[in-house]
Amino acid sequence: MNEQIIIDIVRQALWIVIKVSFPILIVSMVIGLIISVLQTVTSIQEQTLTFVPKLIGIFLVIMISGNWIMTEVRNFAMELYSNFGYYIDLL
């Protein structure tokens, strides 16, 4: 198989992973920043305080964007499987 095709498939897969994980990471970072600022202002030094708000935030993001995430992953998998014969012919 041509190395360029393999590189292109891996590049597309990595881009999908980055694209679908971005909303979850952003929400987790924003919630962590807000809780950290609140902990600094109130002088509370509890390490486990950020866990529950992050968990709730991530759950809400997955509930809201889960359909989009599955659509992106499904489209990539369908494209990969539909071109499977083409990739085999290049061997």
Protein backbone atom coordinates (compact mmCIF):
# COMPACT_ATOMS: atom_id res chain seq x y z
CA MET A 1 0.00 0.00 0.00
CA ASN A 2 1.20 3.46 -0.78
CA GLU A 3 2.64 5.16 2.29
CA GLN A 4 0.82 8.39 1.47
CA ILE A 5 -2.56 6.65 1.72
CA ILE A 6 -1.67 5.23 5.14
CA ILE A 7 -0.51 8.65 6.31
CA ASP A 8 -3.74 10.20 5.02
CA ILE A 9 -5.92 7.63 6.83
CA VAL A 10 -4.02 8.13 10.09
CA ARG A 11 -4.22 11.91 9.68
CA GLN A 12 -7.99 11.72 9.16
CA ALA A 13 -8.39 9.43 12.19
CA LEU A 14 -6.36 11.75 14.42
CA TRP A 15 -8.31 14.76 13.20
CA ILE A 16 -11.60 13.02 14.05
CA VAL A 17 -10.30 12.19 17.54
CA ILE A 18 -9.24 15.80 18.12
CA LYS A 19 -12.49 17.17 16.75
CA VAL A 20 -14.81 14.98 18.84
CA SER A 21 -12.81 15.32 22.07
CA PHE A 22 -12.49 19.11 21.84
CA PRO A 23 -15.90 20.01 23.37
CA ILE A 24 -15.38 17.66 26.30
CA LEU A 25 -11.88 18.96 26.99
CA ILE A 26 -12.95 22.61 26.76
CA VAL A 27 -15.85 22.13 29.19
CA SER A 28 -13.62 20.24 31.62
CA MET A 29 -10.96 22.96 31.48
CA VAL A 30 -13.45 25.80 31.93
CA ILE A 31 -15.16 24.11 34.89
CA GLY A 32 -11.77 23.34 36.44
CA LEU A 33 -10.69 26.96 36.02
CA ILE A 34 -13.90 28.31 37.56
CA ILE A 35 -13.66 25.94 40.53
CA SER A 36 -9.97 26.78 41.00
CA VAL A 37 -10.73 30.50 41.06
CA LEU A 38 -13.53 29.91 43.58
CA GLN A 39 -11.20 27.80 45.72
CA THR A 40 -8.56 30.52 45.63
CA VAL A 41 -11.03 33.26 46.55
CA THR A 42 -12.56 31.28 49.41
CA SER A 43 -9.23 29.70 50.54
CA ILE A 44 -10.67 26.19 50.30
CA GLN A 45 -7.89 23.72 49.50
CA GLU A 46 -9.91 20.58 48.81
CA GLN A 47 -8.53 18.56 45.87
CA THR A 48 -11.71 16.56 45.28
CA LEU A 49 -14.00 19.59 44.96
CA THR A 50 -13.60 19.81 41.17
CA PHE A 51 -14.53 16.18 40.52
CA VAL A 52 -18.34 16.33 40.74
CA PRO A 53 -18.81 19.57 38.72
CA LYS A 54 -16.48 18.26 36.00
CA LEU A 55 -18.32 14.95 35.94
CA ILE A 56 -21.69 16.69 35.58
CA GLY A 57 -20.33 19.05 32.91
CA ILE A 58 -18.81 16.23 30.87
CA PHE A 59 -22.02 14.22 31.17
CA LEU A 60 -24.05 17.18 29.86
CA VAL A 61 -21.65 17.76 26.97
CA ILE A 62 -21.84 14.10 25.99
CA MET A 63 -25.64 14.21 26.19
CA ILE A 64 -25.78 17.33 24.01
CA SER A 65 -23.08 16.48 21.47
CA GLY A 66 -23.23 12.68 21.57
CA ASN A 67 -25.24 12.47 18.35
CA TRP A 68 -22.71 14.65 16.53
CA ILE A 69 -19.79 12.61 17.90
CA MET A 70 -21.34 9.33 16.78
CA THR A 71 -22.16 10.79 13.36
CA GLU A 72 -18.55 11.89 12.84
CA VAL A 73 -17.12 8.53 13.90
CA ARG A 74 -19.70 6.60 11.87
CA ASN A 75 -19.02 8.67 8.73
CA PHE A 76 -15.29 8.06 9.06
CA ALA A 77 -15.79 4.32 9.57
CA MET A 78 -18.21 4.10 6.63
CA GLU A 79 -15.76 5.95 4.39
CA LEU A 80 -12.95 3.67 5.51
CA TYR A 81 -14.98 0.49 4.94
CA SER A 82 -16.39 1.66 1.60
CA ASN A 83 -12.87 2.26 0.27
CA PHE A 84 -11.50 -0.98 1.71
CA GLY A 85 -11.43 -2.68 -1.70
CA TYR A 86 -9.46 0.23 -3.12
CA TYR A 87 -6.90 -0.06 -0.34
CA ILE A 88 -6.56 -3.82 -0.86
CA ASP A 89 -6.01 -3.33 -4.61
CA LEU A 90 -3.05 -1.10 -3.85
CA LEU A 91 -1.18 -3.91 -2.08
